[in-house]
Amino acid sequence: MAFFNTCDRDIWKKADRDEPEASSERGCSAMSTTLISLLFGVLLLGFTSGSQRFNYDTTWQACFASKSAQQGHPSRSECEERSMVMDLICIGPALSLKKPPPPTPSATGLVMTDPRVRCYEGACPDTHECVDGIISQCCSKEYRKLRWEVAEAQKCPDGSKAGGELKGDKFWATIGSACDDVECGEGEKCVQVNKFFAKCCGAK
């Protein structure tokens, strides 16, 4: 690399005409070692600076902050731009973890348990809404509210401004599953806004 070409013998001979060539070479070697050490330190700092990383959570289809993760993206926006998948429909814990809602027949008698049914043909319980995707599913209104109306909002429940990134008209709130995972900016504090999400909140 041209960066390390300071060890050219002719350069050292011109700078140290009164010293033996061996002495110049020792000085050259010392400078090379110093430069390599400095460069390695800069690169290492770039990899380790900042303890927070963002990784994709398939349950919520969002990137969560983590202070303990060894790998991940430096920002939530980068994480989601590179990690989002298109074949998932409902967000939140699987319905199998709770008592599934009973099928609700539509006017045509079709129910959403049939994978061939589209939203306009079937019906969901009042607690769920139909979402079309590769298949149509009944998705929890509660889970949608907990994420989109609370965790993703630009305001926190107490009215203060949420911490995060604003890129164009898209706001990326800094969120995690618990405050132990979330590192907030100056003047912000982490708040557990519901049982699934923690986020950064600032001054009112």
Protein backbone atom coordinates (compact mmCIF):
# COMPACT_ATOMS: atom_id res chain seq x y z
CA MET A 1 0.00 0.00 0.00
CA ALA A 2 1.22 3.52 -0.76
CA PHE A 3 0.32 4.49 2.81
CA PHE A 4 3.22 2.42 4.15
CA ASN A 5 5.76 3.57 1.53
CA THR A 6 7.52 5.70 4.20
CA CYS A 7 9.97 2.80 4.56
CA ASP A 8 11.63 3.44 1.22
CA ARG A 9 15.38 3.07 1.81
CA ASP A 10 16.29 6.09 -0.31
CA ILE A 11 14.06 8.34 1.80
CA TRP A 12 15.65 7.12 5.02
CA LYS A 13 19.17 7.45 3.60
CA LYS A 14 18.50 11.07 2.63
CA ALA A 15 17.07 11.84 6.07
CA ASP A 16 19.88 10.08 7.96
CA ARG A 17 22.98 10.52 5.85
CA ASP A 18 25.28 10.32 8.85
CA GLU A 19 23.80 7.07 10.23
CA PRO A 20 24.51 3.53 9.06
CA GLU A 21 21.91 1.94 6.80
CA ALA A 22 21.07 -0.66 9.48
CA SER A 23 20.10 2.12 11.90
CA SER A 24 17.81 3.66 9.30
CA GLU A 25 16.17 0.32 8.70
CA ARG A 26 15.53 -0.11 12.43
CA GLY A 27 13.90 3.33 12.52
CA CYS A 28 11.86 2.45 9.44
CA SER A 29 10.67 -0.77 11.05
CA ALA A 30 9.66 1.07 14.23
CA MET A 31 7.66 3.63 12.24
CA SER A 32 5.90 0.87 10.30
CA THR A 33 4.94 -0.88 13.53
CA THR A 34 3.57 2.38 14.95
CA LEU A 35 1.55 3.15 11.83
CA ILE A 36 0.08 -0.35 11.73
CA SER A 37 -0.84 -0.15 15.42
CA LEU A 38 -2.55 3.20 14.92
CA LEU A 39 -4.47 1.96 11.89
CA PHE A 40 -5.56 -1.19 13.72
CA GLY A 41 -6.72 0.93 16.65
CA VAL A 42 -8.85 3.13 14.39
CA LEU A 43 -10.43 0.11 12.71
CA LEU A 44 -11.08 -1.58 16.05
CA LEU A 45 -12.70 1.58 17.39
CA GLY A 46 -14.99 1.65 14.36
CA PHE A 47 -16.17 -1.89 15.07
CA THR A 48 -16.66 -1.54 18.82
CA SER A 49 -17.81 2.05 19.35
CA GLY A 50 -21.37 2.22 20.58
CA SER A 51 -22.76 -0.69 22.56
CA GLN A 52 -26.24 -0.77 21.00
CA ARG A 53 -27.08 -2.88 17.98
CA PHE A 54 -30.38 -3.59 16.22
CA ASN A 55 -31.58 -7.03 15.18
CA TYR A 56 -34.74 -8.21 13.48
CA ASP A 57 -37.47 -9.69 15.67
CA THR A 58 -39.69 -12.01 13.64
CA THR A 59 -42.52 -11.95 16.18
CA TRP A 60 -43.08 -8.22 15.78
CA GLN A 61 -41.49 -7.81 12.34
CA ALA A 62 -39.40 -4.94 13.65
CA CYS A 63 -35.79 -4.35 14.62
CA PHE A 64 -35.21 -4.23 18.36
CA ALA A 65 -32.33 -2.57 20.18
CA SER A 66 -29.95 -4.72 22.17
CA LYS A 67 -26.95 -3.69 24.26
CA SER A 68 -25.73 -7.26 24.66
CA ALA A 69 -25.80 -8.36 21.00
CA GLN A 70 -22.36 -9.00 19.51
CA GLN A 71 -23.64 -8.52 15.98
CA GLY A 72 -26.29 -6.37 14.38
CA HIS A 73 -26.91 -3.09 12.63
CA PRO A 74 -25.87 0.31 14.01
CA SER A 75 -29.29 1.84 13.39
CA ARG A 76 -32.87 0.60 13.30
CA SER A 77 -33.51 2.07 9.87
CA GLU A 78 -30.58 0.17 8.34
CA CYS A 79 -31.66 -3.01 10.11
CA GLU A 80 -35.22 -2.91 8.80
CA GLU A 81 -34.25 -1.82 5.31
CA ARG A 82 -32.02 -4.90 5.06
CA SER A 83 -33.95 -7.41 7.13
CA MET A 84 -37.66 -6.99 6.40
CA VAL A 85 -39.43 -10.03 5.01
CA MET A 86 -42.58 -9.94 2.93
CA ASP A 87 -44.29 -13.25 3.69
CA LEU A 88 -45.34 -12.51 7.29
CA ILE A 89 -48.73 -10.96 7.90
CA CYS A 90 -49.80 -10.75 11.54
CA ILE A 91 -47.55 -9.19 14.16
CA GLY A 92 -47.22 -10.21 17.78
CA PRO A 93 -47.05 -13.56 19.57
CA ALA A 94 -48.63 -16.43 17.66
CA LEU A 95 -52.28 -17.09 18.36
CA SER A 96 -51.30 -20.61 19.34
CA LEU A 97 -49.86 -19.12 22.51
CA LYS A 98 -53.32 -17.89 23.45
CA LYS A 99 -56.76 -19.37 23.03
CA PRO A 100 -57.48 -18.99 19.31
CA PRO A 101 -60.57 -16.95 18.43
CA PRO A 102 -63.48 -19.07 17.21
CA PRO A 103 -64.08 -18.95 13.46
CA THR A 104 -66.73 -16.40 12.53
CA PRO A 105 -68.77 -17.27 9.44
CA SER A 106 -69.30 -14.53 6.89
CA ALA A 107 -72.51 -13.88 5.04
CA THR A 108 -71.41 -16.51 2.55
CA GLY A 109 -70.71 -19.03 5.33
CA LEU A 110 -66.94 -19.01 4.73
CA VAL A 111 -64.47 -18.71 7.62
CA MET A 112 -60.87 -17.50 7.75
CA THR A 113 -59.54 -20.94 8.72
CA ASP A 114 -59.69 -21.87 5.04
CA PRO A 115 -56.39 -20.72 3.45
CA ARG A 116 -58.15 -20.13 0.14
CA VAL A 117 -60.41 -17.46 1.60
CA ARG A 118 -59.64 -13.80 0.96
CA CYS A 119 -60.65 -10.99 3.28
CA TYR A 120 -63.67 -9.96 1.23
CA GLU A 121 -64.99 -13.53 1.45
CA GLY A 122 -64.47 -14.33 5.11
CA ALA A 123 -64.91 -12.73 8.50
CA CYS A 124 -62.86 -12.28 11.67
CA PRO A 125 -63.89 -11.92 15.33
CA ASP A 126 -64.42 -8.37 16.60
CA THR A 127 -61.05 -8.54 18.36
CA HIS A 128 -59.25 -9.16 15.07
CA GLU A 129 -59.01 -7.62 11.63
CA CYS A 130 -58.52 -9.37 8.32
CA VAL A 131 -55.23 -8.77 6.52
CA ASP A 132 -54.57 -10.04 3.00
CA GLY A 133 -51.16 -11.41 2.12
CA ILE A 134 -49.97 -14.65 0.56
CA ILE A 135 -52.84 -15.96 2.62
CA SER A 136 -55.46 -13.98 4.50
CA GLN A 137 -55.28 -13.96 8.27
CA CYS A 138 -57.19 -12.60 11.24
CA CYS A 139 -54.69 -10.38 13.07
CA SER A 140 -55.00 -9.09 16.61
CA LYS A 141 -56.19 -5.49 16.88
CA GLU A 142 -54.60 -5.28 20.33
CA TYR A 143 -51.15 -6.23 19.04
CA ARG A 144 -51.46 -3.74 16.19
CA LYS A 145 -52.36 -0.97 18.62
CA LEU A 146 -49.55 -1.84 21.04
CA ARG A 147 -47.00 -1.54 18.26
CA TRP A 148 -48.25 1.10 15.84
CA GLU A 149 -50.14 3.42 18.16
CA VAL A 150 -47.82 3.17 21.17
CA ALA A 151 -44.34 1.81 20.40
CA GLU A 152 -43.96 3.43 16.96
CA ALA A 153 -45.58 6.77 17.83
CA GLN A 154 -43.48 9.93 17.72
CA LYS A 155 -44.91 10.79 21.13
CA CYS A 156 -44.62 8.81 24.35
CA PRO A 157 -47.66 8.08 26.56
CA ASP A 158 -46.74 11.04 28.81
CA GLY A 159 -46.71 13.40 25.84
CA SER A 160 -42.94 13.70 25.56
CA LYS A 161 -41.10 13.32 22.27
CA ALA A 162 -39.97 9.81 21.41
CA GLY A 163 -36.34 9.16 20.60
CA GLY A 164 -35.44 7.73 17.22
CA GLU A 165 -34.52 8.55 13.62
CA LEU A 166 -36.44 10.67 11.16
CA LYS A 167 -35.66 9.87 7.53
CA GLY A 168 -37.87 11.84 5.18
CA ASP A 169 -41.41 11.28 6.40
CA LYS A 170 -40.54 7.98 8.10
CA PHE A 171 -39.91 7.90 11.85
CA TRP A 172 -37.99 4.99 13.34
CA ALA A 173 -38.56 4.89 17.09
CA THR A 174 -35.77 3.43 19.21
CA ILE A 175 -37.51 0.38 20.66
CA GLY A 176 -36.64 -2.80 22.51
CA SER A 177 -38.42 -5.46 24.49
CA ALA A 178 -37.14 -4.05 27.81
CA CYS A 179 -35.24 -0.99 29.02
CA ASP A 180 -32.21 -3.14 29.80
CA ASP A 181 -31.77 -3.49 26.03
CA VAL A 182 -32.28 0.15 25.05
CA GLU A 183 -29.63 2.85 25.00
CA CYS A 184 -31.17 6.32 24.72
CA GLY A 185 -29.71 9.61 23.60
CA GLU A 186 -28.76 12.61 25.69
CA GLY A 187 -31.75 14.06 27.53
CA GLU A 188 -33.80 10.90 26.96
CA LYS A 189 -34.77 8.04 29.22
CA CYS A 190 -36.13 4.59 28.51
CA VAL A 191 -39.77 3.90 29.37
CA GLN A 192 -41.53 0.53 29.32
CA VAL A 193 -44.61 1.69 27.42
CA ASN A 194 -46.39 -1.69 27.49
CA LYS A 195 -45.64 -5.33 28.24
CA PHE A 196 -43.97 -5.87 24.87
CA PHE A 197 -42.15 -2.61 24.13
CA ALA A 198 -39.73 -0.17 25.72
CA LYS A 199 -38.77 3.07 23.98
CA CYS A 200 -36.77 6.23 24.45
CA CYS A 201 -38.66 9.29 25.65
CA GLY A 202 -37.41 12.85 25.99
CA ALA A 203 -38.54 16.17 27.35
CA LYS A 204 -42.11 17.35 26.89
